Amino acid sequence: MKKHIALVGFMAAGKSTIAKKLARKLGCAAYDIDDLIVEAHGPVSDIFYSQGEAAFRAYERDAIEHVIEEGAPGIMALGGGAVTNDDTLKLLKKRTYRVFIKVAPEQILGRLRRSPTVRPMIGPTPTLNKIKELYAQRMPRYAHADLVVEADTLSTAQIIEQIVEWIHKKKIEF
């Protein structure tokens, strides 16, 4: 059975951009899980505020499962909190190769401040303390990835090259 590559990491780590470019380079499909949720259920922030995080995480798990079951093998960009759901994490461990795009909280803060998108788990005014707190909660789940890319000083192209080298070394096929 061929597996997908699931890009995991904190919000604003660049997972969506990396997934699209990596998939293009490898000639495989790219899936942005948040985009699939938005298509089916509306804006992420609306779901969080009107239905709660649990509802969003259920939609997220369903979207991931749908891609795994129905989609051509490829690269999935997951939301930063996807791994916080136990069922989702079990599914990812069993059916994907997980690649953690590791970016320091200080860099995340800068990216979030430049972004027009309000992240429901951080709010409209991101702070380093809030990011560090959430990062610390999630780190044990990120750290068990099959590959950890220390992305702080790397360009997108360098991150992609590291992942491609790892894919070739592991003889992963799509």
N, C-alpha and C. Protein backbone atom coordinates (compact mmCIF):
# COMPACT_ATOMS: atom_id res chain seq x y z
N MET A 1 0.85 -1.19 0.00
CA MET A 1 0.00 0.00 0.00
C MET A 1 0.89 1.25 0.00
N LYS A 2 0.64 2.13 -0.93
CA LYS A 2 1.39 3.38 -0.98
C LYS A 2 0.83 4.34 0.06
N LYS A 3 1.73 5.10 0.68
CA LYS A 3 1.33 6.04 1.72
C LYS A 3 1.49 7.47 1.24
N HIS A 4 0.72 8.35 1.84
CA HIS A 4 0.87 9.79 1.63
C HIS A 4 1.99 10.31 2.52
N ILE A 5 2.50 11.48 2.17
CA ILE A 5 3.40 12.22 3.05
C ILE A 5 2.52 13.28 3.72
N ALA A 6 2.53 13.35 5.04
CA ALA A 6 1.76 14.35 5.77
C ALA A 6 2.73 15.36 6.38
N LEU A 7 2.62 16.61 5.96
CA LEU A 7 3.44 17.67 6.52
C LEU A 7 2.76 18.17 7.79
N VAL A 8 3.46 18.07 8.91
CA VAL A 8 2.93 18.52 10.19
C VAL A 8 3.83 19.62 10.72
N GLY A 9 3.29 20.41 11.62
CA GLY A 9 4.06 21.49 12.22
C GLY A 9 3.14 22.59 12.68
N PHE A 10 3.70 23.55 13.36
CA PHE A 10 2.93 24.64 13.93
C PHE A 10 2.33 25.51 12.83
N MET A 11 1.29 26.24 13.16
CA MET A 11 0.69 27.17 12.20
C MET A 11 1.76 28.12 11.66
N ALA A 12 1.62 28.48 10.40
CA ALA A 12 2.54 29.41 9.73
C ALA A 12 3.94 28.86 9.53
N ALA A 13 4.09 27.53 9.57
CA ALA A 13 5.40 26.91 9.33
C ALA A 13 5.70 26.82 7.84
N GLY A 14 4.70 27.05 6.99
CA GLY A 14 4.90 26.99 5.54
C GLY A 14 4.46 25.68 4.92
N LYS A 15 3.69 24.89 5.65
CA LYS A 15 3.30 23.56 5.18
C LYS A 15 2.53 23.58 3.86
N SER A 16 1.60 24.51 3.69
CA SER A 16 0.79 24.57 2.46
C SER A 16 1.66 24.90 1.25
N THR A 17 2.53 25.87 1.40
CA THR A 17 3.43 26.26 0.30
C THR A 17 4.36 25.11 -0.04
N ILE A 18 4.94 24.49 0.98
CA ILE A 18 5.87 23.39 0.77
C ILE A 18 5.15 22.22 0.09
N ALA A 19 3.94 21.90 0.54
CA ALA A 19 3.19 20.77 -0.04
C ALA A 19 2.97 20.97 -1.54
N LYS A 20 2.55 22.16 -1.93
CA LYS A 20 2.29 22.42 -3.36
C LYS A 20 3.57 22.30 -4.19
N LYS A 21 4.64 22.91 -3.71
CA LYS A 21 5.90 22.89 -4.47
C LYS A 21 6.53 21.51 -4.47
N LEU A 22 6.46 20.80 -3.35
CA LEU A 22 7.01 19.45 -3.26
C LEU A 22 6.25 18.50 -4.19
N ALA A 23 4.93 18.60 -4.17
CA ALA A 23 4.11 17.74 -5.04
C ALA A 23 4.43 18.01 -6.52
N ARG A 24 4.58 19.28 -6.85
CA ARG A 24 4.92 19.63 -8.24
C ARG A 24 6.27 19.00 -8.63
N LYS A 25 7.23 19.09 -7.74
CA LYS A 25 8.57 18.54 -8.01
C LYS A 25 8.52 17.02 -8.17
N LEU A 26 7.69 16.37 -7.37
CA LEU A 26 7.61 14.90 -7.38
C LEU A 26 6.60 14.38 -8.41
N GLY A 27 5.80 15.27 -8.97
CA GLY A 27 4.78 14.85 -9.93
C GLY A 27 3.65 14.06 -9.29
N CYS A 28 3.25 14.47 -8.09
CA CYS A 28 2.15 13.78 -7.40
C CYS A 28 1.12 14.81 -6.94
N ALA A 29 0.07 14.32 -6.31
CA ALA A 29 -1.02 15.18 -5.86
C ALA A 29 -0.63 15.95 -4.59
N ALA A 30 -1.23 17.12 -4.44
CA ALA A 30 -1.08 17.93 -3.22
C ALA A 30 -2.47 18.15 -2.63
N TYR A 31 -2.56 18.05 -1.33
CA TYR A 31 -3.83 18.24 -0.63
C TYR A 31 -3.60 19.19 0.54
N ASP A 32 -4.40 20.25 0.60
CA ASP A 32 -4.37 21.15 1.74
C ASP A 32 -5.63 20.86 2.56
N ILE A 33 -5.45 20.25 3.70
CA ILE A 33 -6.59 19.78 4.50
C ILE A 33 -7.48 20.95 4.92
N ASP A 34 -6.89 22.07 5.32
CA ASP A 34 -7.73 23.23 5.69
C ASP A 34 -8.57 23.69 4.50
N ASP A 35 -8.01 23.69 3.30
CA ASP A 35 -8.79 24.09 2.11
C ASP A 35 -9.96 23.14 1.88
N LEU A 36 -9.74 21.85 2.08
CA LEU A 36 -10.83 20.87 1.92
C LEU A 36 -11.93 21.11 2.94
N ILE A 37 -11.54 21.44 4.16
CA ILE A 37 -12.53 21.73 5.21
C ILE A 37 -13.32 22.98 4.85
N VAL A 38 -12.64 24.01 4.39
CA VAL A 38 -13.31 25.26 4.01
C VAL A 38 -14.31 25.00 2.88
N GLU A 39 -13.91 24.21 1.88
CA GLU A 39 -14.83 23.89 0.77
C GLU A 39 -16.09 23.20 1.27
N ALA A 40 -15.95 22.32 2.23
CA ALA A 40 -17.08 21.53 2.71
C ALA A 40 -17.89 22.19 3.81
N HIS A 41 -17.24 23.01 4.65
CA HIS A 41 -17.91 23.49 5.87
C HIS A 41 -17.82 24.99 6.12
N GLY A 42 -17.07 25.72 5.29
CA GLY A 42 -16.94 27.16 5.49
C GLY A 42 -15.62 27.52 6.17
N PRO A 43 -15.40 28.82 6.37
CA PRO A 43 -14.12 29.29 6.93
C PRO A 43 -13.77 28.65 8.26
N VAL A 44 -12.48 28.36 8.41
CA VAL A 44 -11.97 27.72 9.63
C VAL A 44 -12.38 28.50 10.88
N SER A 45 -12.17 29.83 10.85
CA SER A 45 -12.49 30.63 12.04
C SER A 45 -13.98 30.56 12.37
N ASP A 46 -14.84 30.54 11.34
CA ASP A 46 -16.28 30.42 11.59
C ASP A 46 -16.61 29.09 12.27
N ILE A 47 -15.98 28.03 11.83
CA ILE A 47 -16.22 26.71 12.44
C ILE A 47 -15.80 26.74 13.91
N PHE A 48 -14.61 27.27 14.18
CA PHE A 48 -14.12 27.34 15.56
C PHE A 48 -15.07 28.14 16.44
N TYR A 49 -15.50 29.32 15.95
CA TYR A 49 -16.31 30.20 16.78
C TYR A 49 -17.75 29.74 16.91
N SER A 50 -18.32 29.12 15.88
CA SER A 50 -19.73 28.73 15.96
C SER A 50 -19.94 27.28 16.42
N GLN A 51 -18.98 26.39 16.08
CA GLN A 51 -19.17 24.97 16.41
C GLN A 51 -18.14 24.44 17.41
N GLY A 52 -17.05 25.16 17.58
CA GLY A 52 -16.04 24.75 18.54
C GLY A 52 -14.90 23.95 17.92
N GLU A 53 -13.82 23.85 18.70
CA GLU A 53 -12.64 23.14 18.21
C GLU A 53 -12.91 21.67 17.95
N ALA A 54 -13.72 21.02 18.80
CA ALA A 54 -13.99 19.59 18.63
C ALA A 54 -14.63 19.31 17.27
N ALA A 55 -15.57 20.16 16.87
CA ALA A 55 -16.20 19.99 15.55
C ALA A 55 -15.18 20.15 14.44
N PHE A 56 -14.32 21.17 14.57
CA PHE A 56 -13.30 21.38 13.55
C PHE A 56 -12.37 20.16 13.46
N ARG A 57 -11.93 19.65 14.60
CA ARG A 57 -11.02 18.49 14.60
C ARG A 57 -11.69 17.26 13.98
N ALA A 58 -13.01 17.11 14.17
CA ALA A 58 -13.72 15.99 13.54
C ALA A 58 -13.75 16.18 12.02
N TYR A 59 -14.02 17.40 11.55
CA TYR A 59 -13.99 17.68 10.11
C TYR A 59 -12.59 17.42 9.55
N GLU A 60 -11.59 17.81 10.32
CA GLU A 60 -10.19 17.64 9.90
C GLU A 60 -9.86 16.15 9.75
N ARG A 61 -10.23 15.36 10.75
CA ARG A 61 -9.97 13.93 10.68
C ARG A 61 -10.69 13.32 9.49
N ASP A 62 -11.95 13.70 9.28
CA ASP A 62 -12.72 13.17 8.14
C ASP A 62 -12.06 13.52 6.81
N ALA A 63 -11.56 14.75 6.69
CA ALA A 63 -10.91 15.18 5.45
C ALA A 63 -9.62 14.39 5.22
N ILE A 64 -8.84 14.19 6.27
CA ILE A 64 -7.60 13.42 6.15
C ILE A 64 -7.91 11.99 5.76
N GLU A 65 -8.90 11.39 6.43
CA GLU A 65 -9.28 10.02 6.11
C GLU A 65 -9.76 9.90 4.66
N HIS A 66 -10.53 10.88 4.21
CA HIS A 66 -11.03 10.87 2.83
C HIS A 66 -9.86 10.91 1.84
N VAL A 67 -8.89 11.78 2.08
CA VAL A 67 -7.73 11.86 1.19
C VAL A 67 -6.97 10.53 1.19
N ILE A 68 -6.76 9.95 2.36
CA ILE A 68 -6.03 8.68 2.46
C ILE A 68 -6.78 7.57 1.73
N GLU A 69 -8.09 7.53 1.90
CA GLU A 69 -8.89 6.44 1.31
C GLU A 69 -9.16 6.63 -0.18
N GLU A 70 -9.40 7.88 -0.58
CA GLU A 70 -9.88 8.14 -1.94
C GLU A 70 -8.88 8.84 -2.86
N GLY A 71 -7.95 9.57 -2.28
CA GLY A 71 -7.05 10.39 -3.10
C GLY A 71 -5.84 9.62 -3.59
N ALA A 72 -5.31 10.05 -4.73
CA ALA A 72 -4.05 9.49 -5.22
C ALA A 72 -2.96 9.82 -4.20
N PRO A 73 -2.02 8.91 -3.98
CA PRO A 73 -0.96 9.20 -3.02
C PRO A 73 -0.26 10.51 -3.36
N GLY A 74 0.02 11.29 -2.32
CA GLY A 74 0.64 12.59 -2.54
C GLY A 74 1.07 13.23 -1.24
N ILE A 75 1.11 14.55 -1.28
CA ILE A 75 1.58 15.35 -0.15
C ILE A 75 0.38 16.05 0.48
N MET A 76 0.20 15.86 1.78
CA MET A 76 -0.87 16.53 2.51
C MET A 76 -0.29 17.59 3.43
N ALA A 77 -0.85 18.80 3.36
CA ALA A 77 -0.52 19.86 4.32
C ALA A 77 -1.60 19.84 5.39
N LEU A 78 -1.19 19.57 6.61
CA LEU A 78 -2.14 19.50 7.72
C LEU A 78 -2.13 20.80 8.52
N GLY A 79 -3.25 21.09 9.14
CA GLY A 79 -3.31 22.23 10.05
C GLY A 79 -2.41 21.95 11.25
N GLY A 80 -1.97 23.00 11.90
CA GLY A 80 -1.03 22.88 13.01
C GLY A 80 -1.51 22.01 14.15
N GLY A 81 -2.82 21.95 14.37
CA GLY A 81 -3.35 21.19 15.49
C GLY A 81 -3.89 19.82 15.13
N ALA A 82 -3.72 19.40 13.89
CA ALA A 82 -4.28 18.10 13.46
C ALA A 82 -3.80 16.95 14.36
N VAL A 83 -2.55 17.01 14.78
CA VAL A 83 -1.99 15.92 15.58
C VAL A 83 -2.49 15.92 17.02
N THR A 84 -3.25 16.93 17.42
CA THR A 84 -3.76 16.98 18.80
C THR A 84 -4.95 16.04 19.00
N ASN A 85 -5.57 15.60 17.90
CA ASN A 85 -6.69 14.67 17.98
C ASN A 85 -6.11 13.25 17.97
N ASP A 86 -6.41 12.46 19.00
CA ASP A 86 -5.83 11.12 19.13
C ASP A 86 -6.16 10.24 17.94
N ASP A 87 -7.42 10.27 17.48
CA ASP A 87 -7.81 9.42 16.35
C ASP A 87 -7.08 9.84 15.07
N THR A 88 -6.93 11.13 14.88
CA THR A 88 -6.21 11.62 13.71
C THR A 88 -4.76 11.20 13.77
N LEU A 89 -4.14 11.34 14.93
CA LEU A 89 -2.73 10.97 15.07
C LEU A 89 -2.53 9.47 14.80
N LYS A 90 -3.43 8.63 15.31
CA LYS A 90 -3.34 7.19 15.05
C LYS A 90 -3.43 6.90 13.56
N LEU A 91 -4.36 7.55 12.90
CA LEU A 91 -4.52 7.38 11.46
C LEU A 91 -3.26 7.81 10.71
N LEU A 92 -2.71 8.95 11.09
CA LEU A 92 -1.49 9.45 10.45
C LEU A 92 -0.32 8.50 10.66
N LYS A 93 -0.17 7.99 11.87
CA LYS A 93 0.94 7.07 12.16
C LYS A 93 0.82 5.80 11.33
N LYS A 94 -0.39 5.34 11.15
CA LYS A 94 -0.62 4.07 10.45
C LYS A 94 -0.55 4.21 8.93
N ARG A 95 -1.01 5.33 8.39
CA ARG A 95 -1.24 5.41 6.94
C ARG A 95 -0.43 6.48 6.20
N THR A 96 0.44 7.20 6.91
CA THR A 96 1.24 8.24 6.25
C THR A 96 2.67 8.21 6.77
N TYR A 97 3.54 8.87 6.02
CA TYR A 97 4.85 9.24 6.52
C TYR A 97 4.69 10.68 7.00
N ARG A 98 5.06 10.95 8.24
CA ARG A 98 4.90 12.29 8.79
C ARG A 98 6.22 13.05 8.74
N VAL A 99 6.17 14.26 8.20
CA VAL A 99 7.34 15.13 8.12
C VAL A 99 7.03 16.39 8.92
N PHE A 100 7.82 16.61 9.95
CA PHE A 100 7.64 17.77 10.83
C PHE A 100 8.50 18.92 10.32
N ILE A 101 7.84 20.00 9.93
CA ILE A 101 8.52 21.23 9.52
C ILE A 101 8.69 22.05 10.80
N LYS A 102 9.89 22.02 11.35
CA LYS A 102 10.14 22.64 12.67
C LYS A 102 10.64 24.08 12.49
N VAL A 103 9.86 25.01 12.99
CA VAL A 103 10.19 26.43 12.92
C VAL A 103 10.09 26.99 14.34
N ALA A 104 11.05 27.80 14.74
CA ALA A 104 11.08 28.35 16.09
C ALA A 104 9.88 29.26 16.37
N PRO A 105 9.41 29.28 17.61
CA PRO A 105 8.28 30.14 17.98
C PRO A 105 8.48 31.61 17.61
N GLU A 106 9.71 32.09 17.71
CA GLU A 106 9.98 33.50 17.37
C GLU A 106 9.70 33.78 15.90
N GLN A 107 10.07 32.83 15.04
CA GLN A 107 9.78 32.98 13.61
C GLN A 107 8.28 32.87 13.33
N ILE A 108 7.64 31.97 14.04
CA ILE A 108 6.19 31.81 13.89
C ILE A 108 5.50 33.13 14.24
N LEU A 109 5.92 33.76 15.32
CA LEU A 109 5.32 35.03 15.74
C LEU A 109 5.44 36.07 14.62
N GLY A 110 6.61 36.20 14.04
CA GLY A 110 6.79 37.16 12.95
C GLY A 110 5.89 36.87 11.77
N ARG A 111 5.78 35.60 11.41
CA ARG A 111 4.92 35.22 10.29
C ARG A 111 3.45 35.49 10.59
N LEU A 112 3.02 35.17 11.81
CA LEU A 112 1.62 35.40 12.18
C LEU A 112 1.28 36.89 12.19
N ARG A 113 2.22 37.70 12.66
CA ARG A 113 1.98 39.15 12.70
C ARG A 113 1.87 39.74 11.29
N ARG A 114 2.56 39.13 10.33
CA ARG A 114 2.51 39.62 8.94
C ARG A 114 1.30 39.06 8.18
N SER A 115 0.68 38.05 8.72
CA SER A 115 -0.42 37.38 8.02
C SER A 115 -1.76 38.07 8.30
N PRO A 116 -2.59 38.22 7.27
CA PRO A 116 -3.92 38.78 7.49
C PRO A 116 -4.90 37.77 8.13
N THR A 117 -4.51 36.50 8.15
CA THR A 117 -5.37 35.45 8.67
C THR A 117 -5.29 35.39 10.19
N VAL A 118 -6.45 35.45 10.84
CA VAL A 118 -6.49 35.29 12.30
C VAL A 118 -6.60 33.80 12.59
N ARG A 119 -5.70 33.30 13.40
CA ARG A 119 -5.69 31.88 13.76
C ARG A 119 -6.49 31.71 15.04
N PRO A 120 -7.57 30.91 15.00
CA PRO A 120 -8.46 30.79 16.16
C PRO A 120 -7.76 30.37 17.46
N MET A 121 -6.73 29.54 17.36
CA MET A 121 -6.07 29.07 18.58
C MET A 121 -5.14 30.13 19.18
N ILE A 122 -4.82 31.17 18.42
CA ILE A 122 -3.91 32.23 18.88
C ILE A 122 -4.65 33.55 19.08
N GLY A 123 -5.66 33.80 18.25
CA GLY A 123 -6.43 35.03 18.35
C GLY A 123 -5.86 36.13 17.47
N PRO A 124 -6.50 37.30 17.51
CA PRO A 124 -6.12 38.40 16.60
C PRO A 124 -4.79 39.06 16.93
N THR A 125 -4.31 38.92 18.17
CA THR A 125 -3.02 39.53 18.54
C THR A 125 -2.10 38.45 19.10
N PRO A 126 -1.36 37.79 18.21
CA PRO A 126 -0.48 36.71 18.67
C PRO A 126 0.63 37.23 19.58
N THR A 127 0.93 36.46 20.61
CA THR A 127 2.05 36.80 21.51
C THR A 127 3.00 35.62 21.55
N LEU A 128 4.26 35.91 21.83
CA LEU A 128 5.26 34.85 21.91
C LEU A 128 4.92 33.86 23.02
N ASN A 129 4.40 34.35 24.14
CA ASN A 129 4.04 33.45 25.24
C ASN A 129 2.95 32.47 24.83
N LYS A 130 1.94 32.96 24.13
CA LYS A 130 0.84 32.09 23.69
C LYS A 130 1.34 31.06 22.69
N ILE A 131 2.20 31.49 21.78
CA ILE A 131 2.76 30.57 20.79
C ILE A 131 3.61 29.51 21.49
N LYS A 132 4.47 29.93 22.40
CA LYS A 132 5.34 28.97 23.11
C LYS A 132 4.51 27.97 23.92
N GLU A 133 3.45 28.45 24.55
CA GLU A 133 2.59 27.57 25.35
C GLU A 133 1.95 26.49 24.46
N LEU A 134 1.36 26.91 23.34
CA LEU A 134 0.71 25.98 22.42
C LEU A 134 1.74 25.05 21.78
N TYR A 135 2.89 25.60 21.43
CA TYR A 135 3.98 24.83 20.82
C TYR A 135 4.43 23.73 21.77
N ALA A 136 4.60 24.08 23.04
CA ALA A 136 5.05 23.10 24.04
C ALA A 136 4.02 21.97 24.20
N GLN A 137 2.74 22.31 24.14
CA GLN A 137 1.69 21.29 24.24
C GLN A 137 1.74 20.33 23.05
N ARG A 138 2.03 20.87 21.87
CA ARG A 138 1.99 20.06 20.65
C ARG A 138 3.30 19.36 20.34
N MET A 139 4.42 19.86 20.85
CA MET A 139 5.74 19.34 20.47
C MET A 139 5.88 17.83 20.61
N PRO A 140 5.40 17.20 21.69
CA PRO A 140 5.56 15.75 21.79
C PRO A 140 4.89 15.00 20.63
N ARG A 141 3.82 15.56 20.10
CA ARG A 141 3.12 14.91 18.99
C ARG A 141 3.80 15.20 17.64
N TYR A 142 4.41 16.36 17.52
CA TYR A 142 5.17 16.67 16.31
C TYR A 142 6.46 15.85 16.25
N ALA A 143 7.11 15.72 17.39
CA ALA A 143 8.46 15.16 17.46
C ALA A 143 8.55 13.70 17.04
N HIS A 144 7.45 12.99 17.02
CA HIS A 144 7.45 11.57 16.64
C HIS A 144 7.32 11.37 15.14
N ALA A 145 7.57 12.41 14.37
CA ALA A 145 7.47 12.32 12.92
C ALA A 145 8.55 11.40 12.37
N ASP A 146 8.34 10.92 11.16
CA ASP A 146 9.33 10.07 10.49
C ASP A 146 10.55 10.87 10.07
N LEU A 147 10.35 12.16 9.79
CA LEU A 147 11.44 13.05 9.43
C LEU A 147 11.18 14.40 10.10
N VAL A 148 12.21 14.96 10.72
CA VAL A 148 12.12 16.30 11.28
C VAL A 148 13.04 17.20 10.47
N VAL A 149 12.48 18.26 9.89
CA VAL A 149 13.26 19.22 9.13
C VAL A 149 13.41 20.47 9.99
N GLU A 150 14.65 20.75 10.39
CA GLU A 150 14.96 21.96 11.16
C GLU A 150 14.96 23.11 10.16
N ALA A 151 13.85 23.83 10.08
CA ALA A 151 13.62 24.77 8.98
C ALA A 151 13.98 26.22 9.27
N ASP A 152 14.45 26.52 10.46
CA ASP A 152 14.70 27.92 10.85
C ASP A 152 15.55 28.70 9.86
N THR A 153 16.61 28.09 9.40
CA THR A 153 17.55 28.83 8.54
C THR A 153 17.47 28.39 7.07
N LEU A 154 16.47 27.59 6.74
CA LEU A 154 16.37 27.06 5.39
C LEU A 154 15.34 27.81 4.55
N SER A 155 15.62 27.91 3.27
CA SER A 155 14.64 28.44 2.33
C SER A 155 13.63 27.33 2.02
N THR A 156 12.53 27.70 1.39
CA THR A 156 11.54 26.70 0.99
C THR A 156 12.19 25.66 0.08
N ALA A 157 13.02 26.11 -0.86
CA ALA A 157 13.69 25.18 -1.78
C ALA A 157 14.60 24.21 -1.03
N GLN A 158 15.29 24.68 0.00
CA GLN A 158 16.16 23.81 0.78
C GLN A 158 15.36 22.79 1.59
N ILE A 159 14.23 23.22 2.13
CA ILE A 159 13.35 22.31 2.86
C ILE A 159 12.87 21.21 1.92
N ILE A 160 12.42 21.61 0.75
CA ILE A 160 11.93 20.64 -0.24
C ILE A 160 13.04 19.68 -0.62
N GLU A 161 14.24 20.19 -0.83
CA GLU A 161 15.36 19.32 -1.21
C GLU A 161 15.65 18.29 -0.12
N GLN A 162 15.60 18.69 1.15
CA GLN A 162 15.81 17.74 2.25
C GLN A 162 14.75 16.64 2.23
N ILE A 163 13.51 17.03 2.00
CA ILE A 163 12.41 16.04 1.98
C ILE A 163 12.58 15.11 0.79
N VAL A 164 12.91 15.65 -0.37
CA VAL A 164 13.09 14.83 -1.57
C VAL A 164 14.22 13.82 -1.36
N GLU A 165 15.33 14.26 -0.79
CA GLU A 165 16.44 13.35 -0.51
C GLU A 165 16.00 12.21 0.41
N TRP A 166 15.23 12.56 1.44
CA TRP A 166 14.73 11.56 2.38
C TRP A 166 13.78 10.59 1.67
N ILE A 167 12.89 11.09 0.83
CA ILE A 167 11.95 10.24 0.07
C ILE A 167 12.72 9.25 -0.79
N HIS A 168 13.76 9.73 -1.47
CA HIS A 168 14.55 8.85 -2.34
C HIS A 168 15.32 7.81 -1.51
N LYS A 169 15.88 8.25 -0.38
CA LYS A 169 16.62 7.33 0.48
C LYS A 169 15.70 6.24 1.03
N LYS A 170 14.46 6.61 1.37
CA LYS A 170 13.49 5.65 1.93
C LYS A 170 12.80 4.85 0.83
N LYS A 171 13.06 5.22 -0.44
CA LYS A 171 12.44 4.56 -1.60
C LYS A 171 10.91 4.64 -1.56
N ILE A 172 10.42 5.81 -1.18
CA ILE A 172 8.98 6.05 -1.14
C ILE A 172 8.49 6.34 -2.55
N GLU A 173 7.44 5.68 -2.95
CA GLU A 173 6.87 5.86 -4.29
C GLU A 173 5.45 6.38 -4.18
N PHE A 174 5.07 7.15 -5.21
CA PHE A 174 3.69 7.68 -5.27
C PHE A 174 2.93 7.07 -6.44
